[in-house]
Amino acid sequence: MKRSILLLSLALALPAFAGTSAKQEIAPAPAPEPSIWQWFAGASAGYLLDNEEAFYSAHVGVDTPWTVAGAKVALFLEGAYTKPEETFEGLRQFDTDVETQIIPVTLNVKFEREIVGNLSGYIGAGAGVAFVDTDSHNELFGDDSINDEVFAGQVFAGVVYNVTPSFEVFGGARWIYLDDSEALQAVDNEDFVFEGGIRYNF
């Protein structure tokens, strides 16, 4: 009699236990916590006002969890490229054509704060080194080439519009400064750039 009661109890308990196990197996896993470090990459195109030449840049960086006066802080590494050209009138029309290739590489900090909705404003600054390669050609004196590395610094400001959580567009201006160098004799070593670009958040 006792054995029958025990078997009956087990028979009634097994379906309930099996049901509990099944429920545990199909329960959704907890969502992972969002990362407080958000990586991004972007690119821009602009125009040098004084040197009258196109200016291109690409960058990769991270949005940090830090804030300053309500503004989010981001750090990024940027490489840029421009190639100003100049012609100097010489003796008996032997002009000198000078072509300067400038590649600034800078480490930057950016402060971004929401203005309204998906629109934010940003300001920032950066410092690094610029690789300068100047080639000159003159029919009378021949060709010459100068290579140099100089200090590069910049400050920038603009606005950002978040099209989606992963994609944004931005536009702004920057002031660029390069240390004096013989390789920069044909170009202005400080200039303003107006630019527009895109950025993708990973």
N, C-alpha and C. Protein backbone atom coordinates (compact mmCIF):
# COMPACT_ATOMS: atom_id res chain seq x y z
N MET A 1 0.84 -1.20 0.00
CA MET A 1 0.00 0.00 0.00
C MET A 1 0.87 1.25 0.00
N LYS A 2 1.91 1.23 0.88
CA LYS A 2 2.80 2.38 0.94
C LYS A 2 3.53 2.56 -0.38
N ARG A 3 3.94 1.40 -0.99
CA ARG A 3 4.63 1.47 -2.29
C ARG A 3 3.73 2.07 -3.35
N SER A 4 2.46 1.75 -3.36
CA SER A 4 1.51 2.29 -4.33
C SER A 4 1.36 3.80 -4.16
N ILE A 5 1.28 4.25 -2.92
CA ILE A 5 1.14 5.68 -2.66
C ILE A 5 2.39 6.43 -3.12
N LEU A 6 3.58 5.84 -2.87
CA LEU A 6 4.84 6.47 -3.28
C LEU A 6 4.94 6.58 -4.79
N LEU A 7 4.57 5.51 -5.49
CA LEU A 7 4.60 5.53 -6.95
C LEU A 7 3.62 6.54 -7.51
N LEU A 8 2.43 6.63 -6.89
CA LEU A 8 1.43 7.59 -7.33
C LEU A 8 1.93 9.02 -7.14
N SER A 9 2.62 9.28 -6.01
CA SER A 9 3.16 10.62 -5.75
C SER A 9 4.22 10.99 -6.76
N LEU A 10 5.10 10.03 -7.09
CA LEU A 10 6.14 10.28 -8.09
C LEU A 10 5.53 10.54 -9.46
N ALA A 11 4.50 9.79 -9.81
CA ALA A 11 3.84 9.95 -11.11
C ALA A 11 3.22 11.33 -11.24
N LEU A 12 2.66 11.84 -10.13
CA LEU A 12 2.06 13.18 -10.16
C LEU A 12 3.12 14.28 -10.16
N ALA A 13 4.27 14.04 -9.54
CA ALA A 13 5.30 15.08 -9.42
C ALA A 13 6.14 15.22 -10.67
N LEU A 14 6.38 14.11 -11.38
CA LEU A 14 7.26 14.13 -12.56
C LEU A 14 6.79 15.10 -13.64
N PRO A 15 5.50 15.11 -14.02
CA PRO A 15 5.08 16.07 -15.06
C PRO A 15 5.31 17.52 -14.65
N ALA A 16 5.06 17.84 -13.38
CA ALA A 16 5.27 19.21 -12.92
C ALA A 16 6.74 19.58 -12.99
N PHE A 17 7.63 18.67 -12.59
CA PHE A 17 9.08 18.93 -12.65
C PHE A 17 9.56 19.10 -14.07
N ALA A 18 9.05 18.25 -14.96
CA ALA A 18 9.42 18.33 -16.38
C ALA A 18 8.97 19.65 -16.97
N GLY A 19 7.76 20.10 -16.56
CA GLY A 19 7.27 21.38 -17.06
C GLY A 19 8.12 22.53 -16.60
N THR A 20 8.56 22.49 -15.35
CA THR A 20 9.42 23.55 -14.83
C THR A 20 10.74 23.59 -15.58
N SER A 21 11.31 22.41 -15.86
CA SER A 21 12.58 22.36 -16.59
C SER A 21 12.42 22.92 -17.99
N ALA A 22 11.30 22.59 -18.64
CA ALA A 22 11.08 23.09 -20.00
C ALA A 22 10.97 24.60 -20.01
N LYS A 23 10.28 25.13 -18.99
CA LYS A 23 10.14 26.58 -18.92
C LYS A 23 11.49 27.25 -18.73
N GLN A 24 12.35 26.64 -17.93
CA GLN A 24 13.66 27.22 -17.71
C GLN A 24 14.49 27.20 -18.97
N GLU A 25 14.33 26.15 -19.79
CA GLU A 25 15.12 26.03 -21.01
C GLU A 25 14.72 27.06 -22.05
N ILE A 26 13.45 27.41 -22.15
CA ILE A 26 13.01 28.34 -23.19
C ILE A 26 12.99 29.79 -22.72
N ALA A 27 13.31 30.01 -21.45
CA ALA A 27 13.35 31.39 -20.97
C ALA A 27 14.45 32.16 -21.69
N PRO A 28 14.18 33.37 -22.17
CA PRO A 28 15.19 34.14 -22.90
C PRO A 28 16.36 34.54 -22.01
N ALA A 29 17.56 34.55 -22.61
CA ALA A 29 18.75 34.95 -21.86
C ALA A 29 18.70 36.44 -21.59
N PRO A 30 19.24 36.87 -20.47
CA PRO A 30 19.23 38.32 -20.17
C PRO A 30 20.04 39.09 -21.21
N ALA A 31 19.54 40.27 -21.57
CA ALA A 31 20.23 41.08 -22.58
C ALA A 31 21.57 41.56 -22.04
N PRO A 32 22.61 41.54 -22.90
CA PRO A 32 23.92 42.02 -22.43
C PRO A 32 23.89 43.51 -22.14
N GLU A 33 24.64 43.92 -21.14
CA GLU A 33 24.70 45.33 -20.80
C GLU A 33 25.41 46.11 -21.90
N PRO A 34 24.89 47.27 -22.28
CA PRO A 34 25.54 48.05 -23.34
C PRO A 34 26.93 48.52 -22.91
N SER A 35 27.85 48.53 -23.87
CA SER A 35 29.21 48.97 -23.57
C SER A 35 29.24 50.48 -23.37
N ILE A 36 30.01 50.92 -22.39
CA ILE A 36 30.13 52.35 -22.15
C ILE A 36 31.22 52.96 -23.02
N TRP A 37 31.97 52.13 -23.75
CA TRP A 37 32.99 52.61 -24.70
C TRP A 37 32.48 52.30 -26.09
N GLN A 38 32.18 53.34 -26.88
CA GLN A 38 31.57 53.19 -28.20
C GLN A 38 32.59 53.58 -29.27
N TRP A 39 33.04 52.60 -30.06
CA TRP A 39 34.02 52.88 -31.11
C TRP A 39 33.36 53.48 -32.33
N PHE A 40 34.09 54.32 -33.06
CA PHE A 40 33.55 54.94 -34.28
C PHE A 40 34.68 55.17 -35.29
N ALA A 41 34.27 55.37 -36.53
CA ALA A 41 35.21 55.71 -37.60
C ALA A 41 34.50 56.67 -38.55
N GLY A 42 35.27 57.55 -39.18
CA GLY A 42 34.65 58.53 -40.06
C GLY A 42 35.63 59.14 -41.03
N ALA A 43 35.10 60.01 -41.88
CA ALA A 43 35.92 60.69 -42.88
C ALA A 43 35.27 62.01 -43.23
N SER A 44 36.07 62.95 -43.74
CA SER A 44 35.55 64.26 -44.11
C SER A 44 36.29 64.81 -45.31
N ALA A 45 35.70 65.80 -45.94
CA ALA A 45 36.32 66.53 -47.04
C ALA A 45 36.07 68.01 -46.81
N GLY A 46 37.10 68.83 -47.09
CA GLY A 46 36.96 70.26 -46.86
C GLY A 46 37.81 71.06 -47.81
N TYR A 47 37.95 72.35 -47.48
CA TYR A 47 38.68 73.27 -48.36
C TYR A 47 39.51 74.23 -47.53
N LEU A 48 40.81 74.31 -47.85
CA LEU A 48 41.72 75.25 -47.19
C LEU A 48 41.50 76.65 -47.77
N LEU A 49 41.17 77.62 -46.92
CA LEU A 49 40.82 78.95 -47.41
C LEU A 49 42.03 79.70 -47.98
N ASP A 50 43.14 79.75 -47.25
CA ASP A 50 44.31 80.51 -47.71
C ASP A 50 45.10 79.77 -48.78
N ASN A 51 45.30 78.48 -48.59
CA ASN A 51 46.06 77.71 -49.57
C ASN A 51 45.22 77.28 -50.77
N GLU A 52 43.90 77.49 -50.69
CA GLU A 52 42.98 77.23 -51.80
C GLU A 52 43.17 75.83 -52.37
N GLU A 53 43.02 74.86 -51.49
CA GLU A 53 43.21 73.47 -51.91
C GLU A 53 42.28 72.57 -51.11
N ALA A 54 41.93 71.42 -51.70
CA ALA A 54 41.08 70.45 -51.01
C ALA A 54 41.82 69.84 -49.82
N PHE A 55 41.05 69.43 -48.81
CA PHE A 55 41.60 68.85 -47.59
C PHE A 55 40.76 67.63 -47.22
N TYR A 56 41.41 66.48 -47.06
CA TYR A 56 40.70 65.24 -46.75
C TYR A 56 41.21 64.66 -45.43
N SER A 57 40.33 64.00 -44.69
CA SER A 57 40.75 63.40 -43.43
C SER A 57 39.96 62.12 -43.16
N ALA A 58 40.56 61.24 -42.35
CA ALA A 58 39.90 60.02 -41.87
C ALA A 58 40.30 59.84 -40.42
N HIS A 59 39.39 59.28 -39.62
CA HIS A 59 39.69 59.12 -38.20
C HIS A 59 39.04 57.88 -37.62
N VAL A 60 39.59 57.42 -36.51
CA VAL A 60 39.02 56.32 -35.74
C VAL A 60 39.19 56.66 -34.27
N GLY A 61 38.16 56.37 -33.48
CA GLY A 61 38.24 56.75 -32.08
C GLY A 61 37.18 56.08 -31.23
N VAL A 62 36.99 56.61 -30.02
CA VAL A 62 36.06 56.00 -29.08
C VAL A 62 35.35 57.08 -28.27
N ASP A 63 34.04 56.90 -28.10
CA ASP A 63 33.27 57.72 -27.17
C ASP A 63 33.47 57.15 -25.77
N THR A 64 33.94 57.97 -24.86
CA THR A 64 34.23 57.51 -23.50
C THR A 64 33.03 57.69 -22.59
N PRO A 65 33.05 57.10 -21.39
CA PRO A 65 31.96 57.33 -20.43
C PRO A 65 32.11 58.64 -19.67
N TRP A 66 33.15 59.41 -19.96
CA TRP A 66 33.41 60.66 -19.24
C TRP A 66 32.57 61.80 -19.78
N THR A 67 32.26 62.75 -18.92
CA THR A 67 31.57 63.97 -19.32
C THR A 67 32.26 65.17 -18.66
N VAL A 68 32.19 66.30 -19.35
CA VAL A 68 32.71 67.56 -18.82
C VAL A 68 31.65 68.63 -19.04
N ALA A 69 31.13 69.17 -17.95
CA ALA A 69 30.07 70.19 -18.01
C ALA A 69 28.91 69.72 -18.88
N GLY A 70 28.55 68.45 -18.76
CA GLY A 70 27.43 67.91 -19.51
C GLY A 70 27.75 67.49 -20.93
N ALA A 71 28.99 67.64 -21.35
CA ALA A 71 29.39 67.27 -22.71
C ALA A 71 30.09 65.92 -22.70
N LYS A 72 29.75 65.04 -23.65
CA LYS A 72 30.39 63.74 -23.77
C LYS A 72 31.80 63.91 -24.33
N VAL A 73 32.74 63.11 -23.84
CA VAL A 73 34.13 63.21 -24.26
C VAL A 73 34.48 62.04 -25.18
N ALA A 74 35.12 62.36 -26.30
CA ALA A 74 35.59 61.34 -27.24
C ALA A 74 37.07 61.57 -27.55
N LEU A 75 37.78 60.49 -27.80
CA LEU A 75 39.19 60.53 -28.18
C LEU A 75 39.33 59.88 -29.55
N PHE A 76 40.12 60.49 -30.45
CA PHE A 76 40.29 59.87 -31.75
C PHE A 76 41.62 60.23 -32.40
N LEU A 77 42.09 59.31 -33.23
CA LEU A 77 43.31 59.49 -34.01
C LEU A 77 42.90 59.84 -35.43
N GLU A 78 43.53 60.89 -35.99
CA GLU A 78 43.14 61.35 -37.32
C GLU A 78 44.35 61.50 -38.22
N GLY A 79 44.16 61.11 -39.47
CA GLY A 79 45.15 61.36 -40.51
C GLY A 79 44.51 62.19 -41.61
N ALA A 80 45.22 63.19 -42.11
CA ALA A 80 44.66 64.09 -43.13
C ALA A 80 45.63 64.20 -44.31
N TYR A 81 45.13 64.79 -45.40
CA TYR A 81 45.95 64.91 -46.60
C TYR A 81 45.54 66.15 -47.40
N THR A 82 46.54 66.90 -47.84
CA THR A 82 46.31 68.02 -48.75
C THR A 82 47.54 68.21 -49.61
N LYS A 83 47.37 68.82 -50.77
CA LYS A 83 48.48 68.96 -51.72
C LYS A 83 48.42 70.32 -52.40
N PRO A 84 48.81 71.38 -51.68
CA PRO A 84 48.80 72.73 -52.29
C PRO A 84 49.87 72.84 -53.39
N GLU A 85 49.56 73.66 -54.39
CA GLU A 85 50.50 73.92 -55.48
C GLU A 85 50.64 75.42 -55.66
N GLU A 86 51.86 75.87 -56.03
CA GLU A 86 52.15 77.29 -56.21
C GLU A 86 53.13 77.45 -57.35
N THR A 87 52.99 78.56 -58.10
CA THR A 87 53.91 78.88 -59.18
C THR A 87 54.51 80.26 -58.93
N PHE A 88 55.86 80.33 -58.96
CA PHE A 88 56.57 81.59 -58.75
C PHE A 88 57.20 82.02 -60.07
N GLU A 89 56.97 83.28 -60.44
CA GLU A 89 57.56 83.79 -61.67
C GLU A 89 59.06 83.98 -61.50
N GLY A 90 59.83 83.49 -62.50
CA GLY A 90 61.29 83.56 -62.41
C GLY A 90 61.88 84.41 -63.52
N LEU A 91 63.22 84.34 -63.65
CA LEU A 91 63.93 85.10 -64.67
C LEU A 91 63.56 84.62 -66.07
N ARG A 92 63.27 85.60 -66.95
CA ARG A 92 62.98 85.28 -68.35
C ARG A 92 61.89 84.20 -68.49
N GLN A 93 60.90 84.33 -67.65
CA GLN A 93 59.75 83.43 -67.69
C GLN A 93 60.07 82.00 -67.28
N PHE A 94 61.24 81.79 -66.64
CA PHE A 94 61.54 80.46 -66.11
C PHE A 94 60.85 80.33 -64.74
N ASP A 95 59.58 80.00 -64.78
CA ASP A 95 58.80 79.92 -63.55
C ASP A 95 59.20 78.68 -62.73
N THR A 96 58.99 78.79 -61.43
CA THR A 96 59.22 77.66 -60.53
C THR A 96 57.88 77.11 -60.05
N ASP A 97 57.62 75.87 -60.38
CA ASP A 97 56.40 75.20 -59.93
C ASP A 97 56.71 74.41 -58.66
N VAL A 98 55.95 74.70 -57.59
CA VAL A 98 56.19 74.05 -56.30
C VAL A 98 54.94 73.28 -55.90
N GLU A 99 55.14 72.01 -55.57
CA GLU A 99 54.04 71.13 -55.15
C GLU A 99 54.37 70.59 -53.77
N THR A 100 53.47 70.84 -52.80
CA THR A 100 53.72 70.45 -51.41
C THR A 100 52.66 69.44 -50.96
N GLN A 101 53.12 68.31 -50.50
CA GLN A 101 52.22 67.28 -49.97
C GLN A 101 52.32 67.29 -48.45
N ILE A 102 51.18 67.46 -47.77
CA ILE A 102 51.16 67.56 -46.31
C ILE A 102 50.24 66.48 -45.75
N ILE A 103 50.77 65.69 -44.81
CA ILE A 103 49.99 64.63 -44.16
C ILE A 103 50.06 64.81 -42.64
N PRO A 104 49.12 65.54 -42.05
CA PRO A 104 49.10 65.69 -40.59
C PRO A 104 48.48 64.45 -39.92
N VAL A 105 49.10 63.99 -38.84
CA VAL A 105 48.56 62.90 -38.02
C VAL A 105 48.45 63.42 -36.60
N THR A 106 47.23 63.44 -36.06
CA THR A 106 47.01 64.07 -34.75
C THR A 106 46.17 63.18 -33.83
N LEU A 107 46.42 63.33 -32.53
CA LEU A 107 45.57 62.72 -31.50
C LEU A 107 44.68 63.83 -30.96
N ASN A 108 43.36 63.58 -30.92
CA ASN A 108 42.41 64.65 -30.65
C ASN A 108 41.45 64.29 -29.51
N VAL A 109 40.93 65.33 -28.86
CA VAL A 109 39.86 65.18 -27.89
C VAL A 109 38.69 66.04 -28.35
N LYS A 110 37.47 65.47 -28.24
CA LYS A 110 36.27 66.17 -28.70
C LYS A 110 35.23 66.18 -27.60
N PHE A 111 34.56 67.33 -27.44
CA PHE A 111 33.49 67.48 -26.47
C PHE A 111 32.19 67.72 -27.24
N GLU A 112 31.20 66.85 -27.03
CA GLU A 112 29.95 66.93 -27.79
C GLU A 112 28.77 67.03 -26.83
N ARG A 113 27.86 67.98 -27.11
CA ARG A 113 26.70 68.19 -26.24
C ARG A 113 25.45 68.36 -27.09
N GLU A 114 24.36 67.75 -26.64
CA GLU A 114 23.09 67.82 -27.37
C GLU A 114 22.55 69.24 -27.38
N ILE A 115 22.09 69.66 -28.58
CA ILE A 115 21.44 70.96 -28.72
C ILE A 115 19.93 70.79 -28.63
N VAL A 116 19.40 69.96 -29.54
CA VAL A 116 17.97 69.64 -29.54
C VAL A 116 17.77 68.37 -30.37
N GLY A 117 16.97 67.44 -29.86
CA GLY A 117 16.68 66.22 -30.59
C GLY A 117 17.95 65.47 -30.99
N ASN A 118 18.09 65.21 -32.30
CA ASN A 118 19.24 64.47 -32.81
C ASN A 118 20.42 65.39 -33.17
N LEU A 119 20.27 66.68 -32.91
CA LEU A 119 21.31 67.64 -33.28
C LEU A 119 22.18 67.98 -32.07
N SER A 120 23.51 67.87 -32.26
CA SER A 120 24.47 68.18 -31.21
C SER A 120 25.54 69.12 -31.73
N GLY A 121 26.22 69.80 -30.83
CA GLY A 121 27.35 70.64 -31.19
C GLY A 121 28.63 70.05 -30.60
N TYR A 122 29.76 70.34 -31.24
CA TYR A 122 31.02 69.81 -30.73
C TYR A 122 32.14 70.85 -30.86
N ILE A 123 33.12 70.72 -29.97
CA ILE A 123 34.36 71.48 -30.05
C ILE A 123 35.48 70.54 -29.67
N GLY A 124 36.72 70.87 -30.06
CA GLY A 124 37.82 70.00 -29.70
C GLY A 124 39.15 70.55 -30.16
N ALA A 125 40.19 69.79 -29.86
CA ALA A 125 41.55 70.19 -30.24
C ALA A 125 42.41 68.95 -30.36
N GLY A 126 43.52 69.10 -31.08
CA GLY A 126 44.42 67.98 -31.26
C GLY A 126 45.83 68.43 -31.54
N ALA A 127 46.78 67.51 -31.40
CA ALA A 127 48.19 67.81 -31.66
C ALA A 127 48.87 66.55 -32.18
N GLY A 128 49.93 66.75 -32.96
CA GLY A 128 50.65 65.62 -33.51
C GLY A 128 51.79 66.07 -34.39
N VAL A 129 51.98 65.38 -35.50
CA VAL A 129 53.08 65.66 -36.41
C VAL A 129 52.55 65.69 -37.84
N ALA A 130 53.16 66.54 -38.67
CA ALA A 130 52.81 66.62 -40.09
C ALA A 130 54.02 66.21 -40.92
N PHE A 131 53.81 65.30 -41.85
CA PHE A 131 54.86 64.86 -42.76
C PHE A 131 54.74 65.70 -44.04
N VAL A 132 55.82 66.43 -44.36
CA VAL A 132 55.78 67.39 -45.47
C VAL A 132 56.78 66.96 -46.54
N ASP A 133 56.33 66.95 -47.78
CA ASP A 133 57.17 66.60 -48.93
C ASP A 133 56.96 67.66 -50.00
N THR A 134 58.00 68.46 -50.30
CA THR A 134 57.89 69.55 -51.26
C THR A 134 58.80 69.26 -52.46
N ASP A 135 58.21 69.31 -53.65
CA ASP A 135 58.94 69.13 -54.91
C ASP A 135 58.82 70.41 -55.73
N SER A 136 59.94 70.88 -56.25
CA SER A 136 59.93 72.09 -57.09
C SER A 136 60.60 71.79 -58.43
N HIS A 137 60.13 72.49 -59.46
CA HIS A 137 60.68 72.30 -60.81
C HIS A 137 60.89 73.66 -61.46
N ASN A 138 62.09 73.85 -62.00
CA ASN A 138 62.42 75.07 -62.73
C ASN A 138 63.28 74.67 -63.93
N GLU A 139 62.88 75.17 -65.12
CA GLU A 139 63.59 74.78 -66.34
C GLU A 139 65.04 75.24 -66.35
N LEU A 140 65.35 76.30 -65.59
CA LEU A 140 66.71 76.81 -65.56
C LEU A 140 67.55 76.14 -64.46
N PHE A 141 66.98 75.97 -63.28
CA PHE A 141 67.74 75.44 -62.15
C PHE A 141 67.48 73.97 -61.86
N GLY A 142 66.55 73.36 -62.55
CA GLY A 142 66.29 71.93 -62.37
C GLY A 142 65.28 71.65 -61.28
N ASP A 143 65.33 70.41 -60.79
CA ASP A 143 64.36 69.95 -59.79
C ASP A 143 64.99 69.91 -58.40
N ASP A 144 64.13 70.06 -57.40
CA ASP A 144 64.59 69.99 -56.02
C ASP A 144 63.49 69.36 -55.18
N SER A 145 63.88 68.71 -54.07
CA SER A 145 62.91 68.06 -53.19
C SER A 145 63.35 68.24 -51.75
N ILE A 146 62.39 68.54 -50.86
CA ILE A 146 62.66 68.71 -49.43
C ILE A 146 61.62 67.91 -48.65
N ASN A 147 62.09 67.13 -47.68
CA ASN A 147 61.21 66.37 -46.80
C ASN A 147 61.43 66.83 -45.36
N ASP A 148 60.35 66.87 -44.59
CA ASP A 148 60.49 67.31 -43.21
C ASP A 148 59.30 66.80 -42.39
N GLU A 149 59.49 66.74 -41.06
CA GLU A 149 58.40 66.44 -40.13
C GLU A 149 58.31 67.61 -39.15
N VAL A 150 57.11 68.17 -39.01
CA VAL A 150 56.93 69.34 -38.16
C VAL A 150 55.76 69.12 -37.21
N PHE A 151 55.73 69.91 -36.14
CA PHE A 151 54.61 69.87 -35.20
C PHE A 151 53.33 70.33 -35.90
N ALA A 152 52.23 69.66 -35.60
CA ALA A 152 50.92 70.04 -36.14
C ALA A 152 49.92 70.16 -35.00
N GLY A 153 49.12 71.22 -35.00
CA GLY A 153 48.08 71.41 -34.00
C GLY A 153 46.81 71.92 -34.65
N GLN A 154 45.68 71.69 -34.01
CA GLN A 154 44.42 72.16 -34.58
C GLN A 154 43.37 72.33 -33.48
N VAL A 155 42.41 73.21 -33.75
CA VAL A 155 41.19 73.33 -32.96
C VAL A 155 40.03 73.27 -33.94
N PHE A 156 38.90 72.75 -33.49
CA PHE A 156 37.78 72.56 -34.41
C PHE A 156 36.45 72.69 -33.68
N ALA A 157 35.39 72.96 -34.43
CA ALA A 157 34.04 73.09 -33.89
C ALA A 157 33.03 72.85 -34.99
N GLY A 158 31.83 72.42 -34.62
CA GLY A 158 30.80 72.18 -35.63
C GLY A 158 29.56 71.58 -35.02
N VAL A 159 28.71 71.00 -35.88
CA VAL A 159 27.47 70.37 -35.45
C VAL A 159 27.39 68.95 -36.02
N VAL A 160 26.68 68.09 -35.29
CA VAL A 160 26.49 66.69 -35.66
C VAL A 160 25.00 66.38 -35.69
N TYR A 161 24.57 65.65 -36.73
CA TYR A 161 23.17 65.20 -36.78
C TYR A 161 23.17 63.67 -36.81
N ASN A 162 22.51 63.07 -35.83
CA ASN A 162 22.43 61.60 -35.74
C ASN A 162 21.27 61.10 -36.60
N VAL A 163 21.60 60.60 -37.79
CA VAL A 163 20.59 60.08 -38.70
C VAL A 163 19.97 58.81 -38.13
N THR A 164 20.82 57.90 -37.64
CA THR A 164 20.41 56.69 -36.93
C THR A 164 21.36 56.53 -35.74
N PRO A 165 21.09 55.57 -34.85
CA PRO A 165 22.03 55.36 -33.74
C PRO A 165 23.45 54.99 -34.22
N SER A 166 23.56 54.46 -35.44
CA SER A 166 24.88 54.03 -35.93
C SER A 166 25.50 55.00 -36.92
N PHE A 167 24.71 55.89 -37.50
CA PHE A 167 25.22 56.73 -38.59
C PHE A 167 24.93 58.20 -38.30
N GLU A 168 25.95 59.05 -38.51
CA GLU A 168 25.76 60.49 -38.29
C GLU A 168 26.53 61.29 -39.33
N VAL A 169 26.06 62.49 -39.57
CA VAL A 169 26.74 63.42 -40.48
C VAL A 169 27.14 64.65 -39.67
N PHE A 170 28.24 65.30 -40.09
CA PHE A 170 28.69 66.47 -39.35
C PHE A 170 29.26 67.51 -40.30
N GLY A 171 29.29 68.74 -39.85
CA GLY A 171 29.88 69.83 -40.60
C GLY A 171 30.44 70.86 -39.66
N GLY A 172 31.56 71.48 -40.07
CA GLY A 172 32.17 72.45 -39.18
C GLY A 172 33.38 73.11 -39.79
N ALA A 173 34.21 73.66 -38.93
CA ALA A 173 35.42 74.35 -39.36
C ALA A 173 36.56 74.00 -38.42
N ARG A 174 37.78 74.12 -38.92
CA ARG A 174 38.96 73.90 -38.09
C ARG A 174 40.05 74.88 -38.45
N TRP A 175 40.89 75.17 -37.46
CA TRP A 175 42.09 75.99 -37.67
C TRP A 175 43.28 75.08 -37.50
N ILE A 176 44.16 75.06 -38.49
CA ILE A 176 45.33 74.18 -38.48
C ILE A 176 46.60 75.01 -38.42
N TYR A 177 47.54 74.57 -37.59
CA TYR A 177 48.83 75.23 -37.48
C TYR A 177 49.94 74.21 -37.67
N LEU A 178 50.96 74.58 -38.50
CA LEU A 178 52.16 73.76 -38.69
C LEU A 178 53.38 74.61 -38.37
N ASP A 179 54.36 74.01 -37.70
CA ASP A 179 55.60 74.73 -37.40
C ASP A 179 56.29 75.17 -38.69
N ASP A 180 57.01 76.28 -38.62
CA ASP A 180 57.76 76.76 -39.78
C ASP A 180 58.78 75.73 -40.24
N SER A 181 58.94 75.65 -41.56
CA SER A 181 59.90 74.72 -42.14
C SER A 181 60.22 75.18 -43.55
N GLU A 182 61.45 74.89 -43.99
CA GLU A 182 61.83 75.21 -45.37
C GLU A 182 60.94 74.48 -46.36
N ALA A 183 60.44 73.31 -45.95
CA ALA A 183 59.57 72.53 -46.83
C ALA A 183 58.21 73.20 -47.02
N LEU A 184 57.86 74.17 -46.15
CA LEU A 184 56.57 74.84 -46.24
C LEU A 184 56.70 76.26 -46.79
N GLN A 185 57.80 76.56 -47.47
CA GLN A 185 58.04 77.92 -47.94
C GLN A 185 57.01 78.38 -48.97
N ALA A 186 56.37 77.46 -49.65
CA ALA A 186 55.42 77.84 -50.71
C ALA A 186 53.97 77.84 -50.25
N VAL A 187 53.72 77.52 -48.97
CA VAL A 187 52.34 77.46 -48.48
C VAL A 187 52.24 78.20 -47.15
N ASP A 188 51.02 78.57 -46.78
CA ASP A 188 50.78 79.17 -45.46
C ASP A 188 50.81 78.06 -44.42
N ASN A 189 51.54 78.28 -43.34
CA ASN A 189 51.66 77.22 -42.33
C ASN A 189 50.52 77.23 -41.31
N GLU A 190 49.55 78.13 -41.46
CA GLU A 190 48.31 78.08 -40.69
C GLU A 190 47.16 78.44 -41.61
N ASP A 191 46.04 77.76 -41.42
CA ASP A 191 44.94 77.93 -42.35
C ASP A 191 43.63 77.51 -41.70
N PHE A 192 42.51 77.95 -42.31
CA PHE A 192 41.18 77.54 -41.88
C PHE A 192 40.61 76.56 -42.90
N VAL A 193 39.87 75.58 -42.40
CA VAL A 193 39.22 74.58 -43.25
C VAL A 193 37.74 74.55 -42.92
N PHE A 194 36.90 74.61 -43.95
CA PHE A 194 35.47 74.32 -43.80
C PHE A 194 35.25 72.93 -44.36
N GLU A 195 34.50 72.09 -43.63
CA GLU A 195 34.41 70.68 -44.02
C GLU A 195 33.07 70.07 -43.67
N GLY A 196 32.80 68.92 -44.28
CA GLY A 196 31.64 68.12 -43.96
C GLY A 196 32.05 66.66 -44.01
N GLY A 197 31.38 65.82 -43.21
CA GLY A 197 31.79 64.42 -43.18
C GLY A 197 30.73 63.49 -42.64
N ILE A 198 31.10 62.23 -42.54
CA ILE A 198 30.21 61.18 -42.03
C ILE A 198 30.95 60.38 -40.97
N ARG A 199 30.19 59.72 -40.11
CA ARG A 199 30.79 58.89 -39.07
C ARG A 199 29.90 57.69 -38.81
N TYR A 200 30.52 56.53 -38.59
CA TYR A 200 29.78 55.29 -38.26
C TYR A 200 30.16 54.83 -36.87
N ASN A 201 29.14 54.56 -36.05
CA ASN A 201 29.35 54.08 -34.68
C ASN A 201 29.17 52.57 -34.64
N PHE A 202 30.17 51.87 -34.14
CA PHE A 202 30.13 50.40 -34.11
C PHE A 202 29.35 49.88 -32.90
